[in-house]
Amino acid sequence: KKDYEVFNLGTGKGVSVLEAIKSFEKVSGRKLKYSIAG
């Protein structure tokens, strides 16, 4: 519609780092060792 356009590409849903870790542990069946850094 214009010579230059911009589009966002995402799912529209926010996921935290800890939620991402839980998703991986669920699908892989592996428990991850992690620590909190600064």
All heavy atoms as atom14 arrays in JSON, in Angstrom:
{
  "sequence": "KKDYEVFNLGTGKGVSVLEAIKSFEKVSGRKLKYSIAG",
  "atom14_mask": [
    [1, 1, 1, 1, 1, 1, 1, 1, 1, 0, 0, 0, 0, 0],
    [1, 1, 1, 1, 1, 1, 1, 1, 1, 0, 0, 0, 0, 0],
    [1, 1, 1, 1, 1, 1, 1, 1, 0, 0, 0, 0, 0, 0],
    [1, 1, 1, 1, 1, 1, 1, 1, 1, 1, 1, 1, 0, 0],
    [1, 1, 1, 1, 1, 1, 1, 1, 1, 0, 0, 0, 0, 0],
    [1, 1, 1, 1, 1, 1, 1, 0, 0, 0, 0, 0, 0, 0],
    [1, 1, 1, 1, 1, 1, 1, 1, 1, 1, 1, 0, 0, 0],
    [1, 1, 1, 1, 1, 1, 1, 1, 0, 0, 0, 0, 0, 0],
    [1, 1, 1, 1, 1, 1, 1, 1, 0, 0, 0, 0, 0, 0],
    [1, 1, 1, 1, 0, 0, 0, 0, 0, 0, 0, 0, 0, 0],
    [1, 1, 1, 1, 1, 1, 1, 0, 0, 0, 0, 0, 0, 0],
    [1, 1, 1, 1, 0, 0, 0, 0, 0, 0, 0, 0, 0, 0],
    [1, 1, 1, 1, 1, 1, 1, 1, 1, 0, 0, 0, 0, 0],
    [1, 1, 1, 1, 0, 0, 0, 0, 0, 0, 0, 0, 0, 0],
    [1, 1, 1, 1, 1, 1, 1, 0, 0, 0, 0, 0, 0, 0],
    [1, 1, 1, 1, 1, 1, 0, 0, 0, 0, 0, 0, 0, 0],
    [1, 1, 1, 1, 1, 1, 1, 0, 0, 0, 0, 0, 0, 0],
    [1, 1, 1, 1, 1, 1, 1, 1, 0, 0, 0, 0, 0, 0],
    [1, 1, 1, 1, 1, 1, 1, 1, 1, 0, 0, 0, 0, 0],
    [1, 1, 1, 1, 1, 0, 0, 0, 0, 0, 0, 0, 0, 0],
    [1, 1, 1, 1, 1, 1, 1, 1, 0, 0, 0, 0, 0, 0],
    [1, 1, 1, 1, 1, 1, 1, 1, 1, 0, 0, 0, 0, 0],
    [1, 1, 1, 1, 1, 1, 0, 0, 0, 0, 0, 0, 0, 0],
    [1, 1, 1, 1, 1, 1, 1, 1, 1, 1, 1, 0, 0, 0],
    [1, 1, 1, 1, 1, 1, 1, 1, 1, 0, 0, 0, 0, 0],
    [1, 1, 1, 1, 1, 1, 1, 1, 1, 0, 0, 0, 0, 0],
    [1, 1, 1, 1, 1, 1, 1, 0, 0, 0, 0, 0, 0, 0],
    [1, 1, 1, 1, 1, 1, 0, 0, 0, 0, 0, 0, 0, 0],
    [1, 1, 1, 1, 0, 0, 0, 0, 0, 0, 0, 0, 0, 0],
    [1, 1, 1, 1, 1, 1, 1, 1, 1, 1, 1, 0, 0, 0],
    [1, 1, 1, 1, 1, 1, 1, 1, 1, 0, 0, 0, 0, 0],
    [1, 1, 1, 1, 1, 1, 1, 1, 0, 0, 0, 0, 0, 0],
    [1, 1, 1, 1, 1, 1, 1, 1, 1, 0, 0, 0, 0, 0],
    [1, 1, 1, 1, 1, 1, 1, 1, 1, 1, 1, 1, 0, 0],
    [1, 1, 1, 1, 1, 1, 0, 0, 0, 0, 0, 0, 0, 0],
    [1, 1, 1, 1, 1, 1, 1, 1, 0, 0, 0, 0, 0, 0],
    [1, 1, 1, 1, 1, 0, 0, 0, 0, 0, 0, 0, 0, 0],
    [1, 1, 1, 1, 0, 0, 0, 0, 0, 0, 0, 0, 0, 0]
  ],
  "atom14_positions": [
    [[0.82, -1.22, 0.0], [0.0, 0.0, 0.0], [0.85, 1.27, 0.0], [0.39, 2.34, -0.36], [-0.94, -0.01, 1.2], [-1.97, -1.14, 1.11], [-2.94, -1.12, 2.26], [-3.98, -2.24, 2.09], [-4.91, -2.3, 3.24], [0.0, 0.0, 0.0], [0.0, 0.0, 0.0], [0.0, 0.0, 0.0], [0.0, 0.0, 0.0], [0.0, 0.0, 0.0]],
    [[2.1, 1.12, 0.44], [3.05, 2.23, 0.43], [4.37, 1.69, -0.1], [4.58, 0.48, -0.16], [3.26, 2.78, 1.85], [2.0, 3.27, 2.54], [2.32, 3.63, 3.99], [1.06, 3.99, 4.76], [1.33, 4.17, 6.2], [0.0, 0.0, 0.0], [0.0, 0.0, 0.0], [0.0, 0.0, 0.0], [0.0, 0.0, 0.0], [0.0, 0.0, 0.0]],
    [[5.27, 2.62, -0.46], [6.59, 2.17, -0.94], [7.41, 1.54, 0.17], [8.3, 0.73, -0.08], [7.36, 3.35, -1.55], [6.78, 3.79, -2.88], [6.12, 2.96, -3.54], [6.97, 4.96, -3.27], [0.0, 0.0, 0.0], [0.0, 0.0, 0.0], [0.0, 0.0, 0.0], [0.0, 0.0, 0.0], [0.0, 0.0, 0.0], [0.0, 0.0, 0.0]],
    [[7.11, 1.94, 1.43], [7.84, 1.37, 2.56], [6.84, 1.05, 3.67], [6.04, 1.9, 4.07], [8.89, 2.35, 3.09], [9.63, 1.84, 4.3], [10.47, 0.73, 4.22], [9.48, 2.46, 5.54], [11.14, 0.25, 5.33], [10.15, 1.99, 6.66], [10.97, 0.88, 6.56], [11.63, 0.4, 7.66], [0.0, 0.0, 0.0], [0.0, 0.0, 0.0]],
    [[6.88, -0.19, 4.16], [5.95, -0.64, 5.2], [6.72, -1.38, 6.29], [7.81, -1.91, 6.07], [4.89, -1.57, 4.62], [3.99, -0.92, 3.58], [2.99, -1.91, 3.0], [3.43, -2.92, 2.41], [1.78, -1.67, 3.15], [0.0, 0.0, 0.0], [0.0, 0.0, 0.0], [0.0, 0.0, 0.0], [0.0, 0.0, 0.0], [0.0, 0.0, 0.0]],
    [[6.1, -1.44, 7.47], [6.69, -2.11, 8.63], [5.66, -3.06, 9.23], [4.48, -2.7, 9.37], [7.12, -1.08, 9.69], [7.52, -1.77, 10.98], [8.26, -0.23, 9.17], [0.0, 0.0, 0.0], [0.0, 0.0, 0.0], [0.0, 0.0, 0.0], [0.0, 0.0, 0.0], [0.0, 0.0, 0.0], [0.0, 0.0, 0.0], [0.0, 0.0, 0.0]],
    [[6.09, -4.27, 9.59], [5.19, -5.24, 10.21], [5.86, -5.9, 11.41], [7.04, -6.28, 11.34], [4.78, -6.33, 9.21], [3.98, -5.84, 8.06], [4.59, -5.61, 6.83], [2.62, -5.59, 8.18], [3.85, -5.15, 5.75], [1.87, -5.12, 7.11], [2.5, -4.9, 5.89], [0.0, 0.0, 0.0], [0.0, 0.0, 0.0], [0.0, 0.0, 0.0]],
    [[5.1, -6.09, 12.49], [5.54, -6.88, 13.64], [5.28, -8.36, 13.37], [4.21, -8.73, 12.88], [4.76, -6.49, 14.9], [5.19, -5.16, 15.47], [6.25, -4.65, 15.16], [4.34, -4.59, 16.32], [0.0, 0.0, 0.0], [0.0, 0.0, 0.0], [0.0, 0.0, 0.0], [0.0, 0.0, 0.0], [0.0, 0.0, 0.0], [0.0, 0.0, 0.0]],
    [[6.24, -9.19, 13.75], [6.08, -10.64, 13.62], [6.24, -11.29, 14.99], [7.34, -11.32, 15.56], [7.09, -11.22, 12.64], [7.05, -10.67, 11.21], [8.11, -11.33, 10.35], [5.66, -10.85, 10.58], [0.0, 0.0, 0.0], [0.0, 0.0, 0.0], [0.0, 0.0, 0.0], [0.0, 0.0, 0.0], [0.0, 0.0, 0.0], [0.0, 0.0, 0.0]],
    [[5.15, -11.77, 15.53], [5.16, -12.43, 16.83], [3.87, -13.2, 17.02], [2.99, -13.22, 16.16], [0.0, 0.0, 0.0], [0.0, 0.0, 0.0], [0.0, 0.0, 0.0], [0.0, 0.0, 0.0], [0.0, 0.0, 0.0], [0.0, 0.0, 0.0], [0.0, 0.0, 0.0], [0.0, 0.0, 0.0], [0.0, 0.0, 0.0], [0.0, 0.0, 0.0]],
    [[3.76, -13.85, 18.18], [2.56, -14.64, 18.47], [1.48, -13.8, 19.14], [0.32, -14.18, 19.16], [2.89, -15.8, 19.43], [3.29, -15.25, 20.7], [4.0, -16.67, 18.88], [0.0, 0.0, 0.0], [0.0, 0.0, 0.0], [0.0, 0.0, 0.0], [0.0, 0.0, 0.0], [0.0, 0.0, 0.0], [0.0, 0.0, 0.0], [0.0, 0.0, 0.0]],
    [[1.9, -12.68, 19.75], [0.97, -11.87, 20.53], [0.89, -12.29, 21.98], [0.07, -11.77, 22.74], [0.0, 0.0, 0.0], [0.0, 0.0, 0.0], [0.0, 0.0, 0.0], [0.0, 0.0, 0.0], [0.0, 0.0, 0.0], [0.0, 0.0, 0.0], [0.0, 0.0, 0.0], [0.0, 0.0, 0.0], [0.0, 0.0, 0.0], [0.0, 0.0, 0.0]],
    [[1.76, -13.22, 22.38], [1.73, -13.71, 23.77], [3.12, -13.6, 24.39], [4.11, -14.01, 23.78], [1.27, -15.17, 23.79], [1.16, -15.74, 25.2], [0.83, -17.23, 25.18], [0.77, -17.79, 26.6], [0.7, -19.25, 26.65], [0.0, 0.0, 0.0], [0.0, 0.0, 0.0], [0.0, 0.0, 0.0], [0.0, 0.0, 0.0], [0.0, 0.0, 0.0]],
    [[3.17, -13.08, 25.6], [4.43, -12.98, 26.32], [4.7, -14.22, 27.15], [3.8, -14.76, 27.79], [0.0, 0.0, 0.0], [0.0, 0.0, 0.0], [0.0, 0.0, 0.0], [0.0, 0.0, 0.0], [0.0, 0.0, 0.0], [0.0, 0.0, 0.0], [0.0, 0.0, 0.0], [0.0, 0.0, 0.0], [0.0, 0.0, 0.0], [0.0, 0.0, 0.0]],
    [[5.95, -14.67, 27.14], [6.37, -15.86, 27.88], [7.62, -15.51, 28.67], [8.58, -14.95, 28.11], [6.67, -17.04, 26.92], [7.27, -18.23, 27.67], [5.41, -17.45, 26.16], [0.0, 0.0, 0.0], [0.0, 0.0, 0.0], [0.0, 0.0, 0.0], [0.0, 0.0, 0.0], [0.0, 0.0, 0.0], [0.0, 0.0, 0.0], [0.0, 0.0, 0.0]],
    [[7.65, -15.84, 29.95], [8.82, -15.53, 30.77], [9.92, -16.57, 30.53], [9.68, -17.66, 30.0], [8.45, -15.51, 32.25], [8.29, -16.83, 32.73], [0.0, 0.0, 0.0], [0.0, 0.0, 0.0], [0.0, 0.0, 0.0], [0.0, 0.0, 0.0], [0.0, 0.0, 0.0], [0.0, 0.0, 0.0], [0.0, 0.0, 0.0], [0.0, 0.0, 0.0]],
    [[11.13, -16.21, 30.95], [12.26, -17.13, 30.82], [11.97, -18.44, 31.56], [12.22, -19.53, 31.05], [13.56, -16.48, 31.34], [14.7, -17.49, 31.38], [13.94, -15.28, 30.48], [0.0, 0.0, 0.0], [0.0, 0.0, 0.0], [0.0, 0.0, 0.0], [0.0, 0.0, 0.0], [0.0, 0.0, 0.0], [0.0, 0.0, 0.0], [0.0, 0.0, 0.0]],
    [[11.42, -18.33, 32.77], [11.14, -19.56, 33.54], [10.04, -20.38, 32.89], [10.08, -21.62, 32.92], [10.76, -19.21, 34.98], [11.88, -18.6, 35.84], [11.39, -18.38, 37.27], [13.12, -19.49, 35.83], [0.0, 0.0, 0.0], [0.0, 0.0, 0.0], [0.0, 0.0, 0.0], [0.0, 0.0, 0.0], [0.0, 0.0, 0.0], [0.0, 0.0, 0.0]],
    [[9.05, -19.74, 32.27], [8.01, -20.48, 31.54], [8.61, -21.2, 30.33], [8.21, -22.32, 30.0], [6.9, -19.52, 31.09], [6.0, -19.05, 32.22], [5.03, -17.97, 31.79], [5.34, -17.18, 30.88], [3.92, -17.93, 32.38], [0.0, 0.0, 0.0], [0.0, 0.0, 0.0], [0.0, 0.0, 0.0], [0.0, 0.0, 0.0], [0.0, 0.0, 0.0]],
    [[9.56, -20.55, 29.66], [10.22, -21.19, 28.52], [11.0, -22.42, 28.97], [10.97, -23.47, 28.31], [11.15, -20.19, 27.83], [0.0, 0.0, 0.0], [0.0, 0.0, 0.0], [0.0, 0.0, 0.0], [0.0, 0.0, 0.0], [0.0, 0.0, 0.0], [0.0, 0.0, 0.0], [0.0, 0.0, 0.0], [0.0, 0.0, 0.0], [0.0, 0.0, 0.0]],
    [[11.67, -22.3, 30.09], [12.41, -23.44, 30.64], [11.46, -24.6, 30.96], [11.74, -25.76, 30.63], [13.2, -23.01, 31.91], [14.36, -22.1, 31.52], [13.7, -24.23, 32.68], [15.05, -21.44, 32.7], [0.0, 0.0, 0.0], [0.0, 0.0, 0.0], [0.0, 0.0, 0.0], [0.0, 0.0, 0.0], [0.0, 0.0, 0.0], [0.0, 0.0, 0.0]],
    [[10.32, -24.28, 31.57], [9.34, -25.33, 31.9], [8.8, -26.02, 30.65], [8.6, -27.24, 30.63], [8.19, -24.74, 32.71], [8.56, -24.41, 34.15], [7.44, -23.68, 34.87], [7.88, -23.21, 36.25], [6.91, -22.28, 36.86], [0.0, 0.0, 0.0], [0.0, 0.0, 0.0], [0.0, 0.0, 0.0], [0.0, 0.0, 0.0], [0.0, 0.0, 0.0]],
    [[8.57, -25.26, 29.59], [8.11, -25.84, 28.33], [9.13, -26.82, 27.79], [8.79, -27.94, 27.38], [7.85, -24.73, 27.3], [7.64, -25.28, 26.02], [0.0, 0.0, 0.0], [0.0, 0.0, 0.0], [0.0, 0.0, 0.0], [0.0, 0.0, 0.0], [0.0, 0.0, 0.0], [0.0, 0.0, 0.0], [0.0, 0.0, 0.0], [0.0, 0.0, 0.0]],
    [[10.41, -26.42, 27.82], [11.46, -27.32, 27.33], [11.53, -28.58, 28.17], [11.63, -29.7, 27.63], [12.82, -26.62, 27.32], [13.93, -27.54, 26.89], [14.16, -27.77, 25.55], [14.69, -28.24, 27.83], [15.15, -28.66, 25.14], [15.68, -29.12, 27.44], [15.91, -29.33, 26.08], [0.0, 0.0, 0.0], [0.0, 0.0, 0.0], [0.0, 0.0, 0.0]],
    [[11.48, -28.43, 29.49], [11.56, -29.61, 30.37], [10.41, -30.57, 30.1], [10.58, -31.79, 30.1], [11.55, -29.16, 31.83], [12.85, -28.47, 32.26], [12.84, -28.01, 33.71], [11.72, -27.75, 34.24], [13.92, -27.91, 34.31], [0.0, 0.0, 0.0], [0.0, 0.0, 0.0], [0.0, 0.0, 0.0], [0.0, 0.0, 0.0], [0.0, 0.0, 0.0]],
    [[9.25, -30.01, 29.8], [8.06, -30.85, 29.53], [8.24, -31.67, 28.25], [8.0, -32.88, 28.25], [6.82, -29.96, 29.42], [5.54, -30.74, 29.16], [4.31, -29.85, 29.21], [4.21, -28.96, 28.0], [2.94, -28.19, 27.95], [0.0, 0.0, 0.0], [0.0, 0.0, 0.0], [0.0, 0.0, 0.0], [0.0, 0.0, 0.0], [0.0, 0.0, 0.0]],
    [[8.66, -31.01, 27.16], [8.72, -31.72, 25.88], [9.94, -32.62, 25.76], [9.93, -33.61, 25.02], [8.66, -30.75, 24.68], [7.39, -29.93, 24.71], [9.89, -29.85, 24.6], [0.0, 0.0, 0.0], [0.0, 0.0, 0.0], [0.0, 0.0, 0.0], [0.0, 0.0, 0.0], [0.0, 0.0, 0.0], [0.0, 0.0, 0.0], [0.0, 0.0, 0.0]],
    [[11.01, -32.3, 26.51], [12.24, -33.08, 26.4], [12.34, -34.18, 27.45], [13.08, -35.15, 27.27], [13.46, -32.16, 26.56], [13.56, -31.67, 27.89], [0.0, 0.0, 0.0], [0.0, 0.0, 0.0], [0.0, 0.0, 0.0], [0.0, 0.0, 0.0], [0.0, 0.0, 0.0], [0.0, 0.0, 0.0], [0.0, 0.0, 0.0], [0.0, 0.0, 0.0]],
    [[11.57, -34.01, 28.54], [11.68, -34.97, 29.64], [12.97, -34.81, 30.44], [13.33, -35.7, 31.22], [0.0, 0.0, 0.0], [0.0, 0.0, 0.0], [0.0, 0.0, 0.0], [0.0, 0.0, 0.0], [0.0, 0.0, 0.0], [0.0, 0.0, 0.0], [0.0, 0.0, 0.0], [0.0, 0.0, 0.0], [0.0, 0.0, 0.0], [0.0, 0.0, 0.0]],
    [[13.68, -33.7, 30.25], [14.95, -33.47, 30.95], [14.82, -32.31, 31.92], [14.26, -31.27, 31.57], [16.07, -33.18, 29.95], [16.35, -34.33, 29.02], [17.76, -34.31, 28.51], [18.06, -35.55, 27.8], [19.28, -35.97, 27.52], [20.31, -35.26, 27.92], [19.46, -37.1, 26.86], [0.0, 0.0, 0.0], [0.0, 0.0, 0.0], [0.0, 0.0, 0.0]],
    [[15.36, -32.49, 33.11], [15.35, -31.42, 34.11], [16.6, -30.57, 33.89], [17.71, -31.09, 33.8], [15.37, -32.03, 35.51], [15.08, -31.05, 36.62], [13.61, -30.69, 36.68], [13.34, -29.75, 37.86], [12.02, -29.12, 37.76], [0.0, 0.0, 0.0], [0.0, 0.0, 0.0], [0.0, 0.0, 0.0], [0.0, 0.0, 0.0], [0.0, 0.0, 0.0]],
    [[16.42, -29.26, 33.79], [17.54, -28.37, 33.54], [18.14, -27.86, 34.84], [17.42, -27.51, 35.78], [17.08, -27.17, 32.71], [16.84, -27.4, 31.21], [16.26, -26.14, 30.59], [18.12, -27.79, 30.5], [0.0, 0.0, 0.0], [0.0, 0.0, 0.0], [0.0, 0.0, 0.0], [0.0, 0.0, 0.0], [0.0, 0.0, 0.0], [0.0, 0.0, 0.0]],
    [[19.46, -27.77, 34.85], [20.14, -27.14, 35.95], [20.36, -25.67, 35.58], [20.96, -25.38, 34.55], [21.49, -27.81, 36.2], [22.25, -27.25, 37.39], [23.61, -27.94, 37.53], [24.39, -27.33, 38.69], [25.77, -27.9, 38.76], [0.0, 0.0, 0.0], [0.0, 0.0, 0.0], [0.0, 0.0, 0.0], [0.0, 0.0, 0.0], [0.0, 0.0, 0.0]],
    [[19.82, -24.76, 36.39], [20.01, -23.35, 36.09], [20.22, -22.56, 37.38], [19.86, -22.99, 38.47], [18.82, -22.78, 35.3], [17.51, -22.73, 36.02], [17.16, -21.63, 36.81], [16.59, -23.78, 35.9], [15.93, -21.58, 37.46], [15.37, -23.74, 36.56], [15.04, -22.64, 37.33], [13.84, -22.58, 37.99], [0.0, 0.0, 0.0], [0.0, 0.0, 0.0]],
    [[20.86, -21.4, 37.21], [21.07, -20.5, 38.34], [20.71, -19.08, 37.92], [20.68, -18.76, 36.73], [22.53, -20.56, 38.81], [23.4, -20.09, 37.8], [0.0, 0.0, 0.0], [0.0, 0.0, 0.0], [0.0, 0.0, 0.0], [0.0, 0.0, 0.0], [0.0, 0.0, 0.0], [0.0, 0.0, 0.0], [0.0, 0.0, 0.0], [0.0, 0.0, 0.0]],
    [[20.44, -18.26, 38.92], [20.09, -16.87, 38.65], [21.35, -16.03, 38.67], [22.13, -16.07, 39.63], [19.09, -16.33, 39.7], [17.86, -17.25, 39.79], [18.69, -14.89, 39.36], [17.06, -17.38, 38.52], [0.0, 0.0, 0.0], [0.0, 0.0, 0.0], [0.0, 0.0, 0.0], [0.0, 0.0, 0.0], [0.0, 0.0, 0.0], [0.0, 0.0, 0.0]],
    [[21.57, -15.28, 37.59], [22.7, -14.35, 37.5], [22.16, -12.92, 37.51], [20.95, -12.7, 37.49], [23.49, -14.62, 36.22], [0.0, 0.0, 0.0], [0.0, 0.0, 0.0], [0.0, 0.0, 0.0], [0.0, 0.0, 0.0], [0.0, 0.0, 0.0], [0.0, 0.0, 0.0], [0.0, 0.0, 0.0], [0.0, 0.0, 0.0], [0.0, 0.0, 0.0]],
    [[23.06, -11.96, 37.55], [22.64, -10.56, 37.52], [22.03, -10.2, 36.17], [22.18, -10.92, 35.18], [0.0, 0.0, 0.0], [0.0, 0.0, 0.0], [0.0, 0.0, 0.0], [0.0, 0.0, 0.0], [0.0, 0.0, 0.0], [0.0, 0.0, 0.0], [0.0, 0.0, 0.0], [0.0, 0.0, 0.0], [0.0, 0.0, 0.0], [0.0, 0.0, 0.0]]
  ]
}
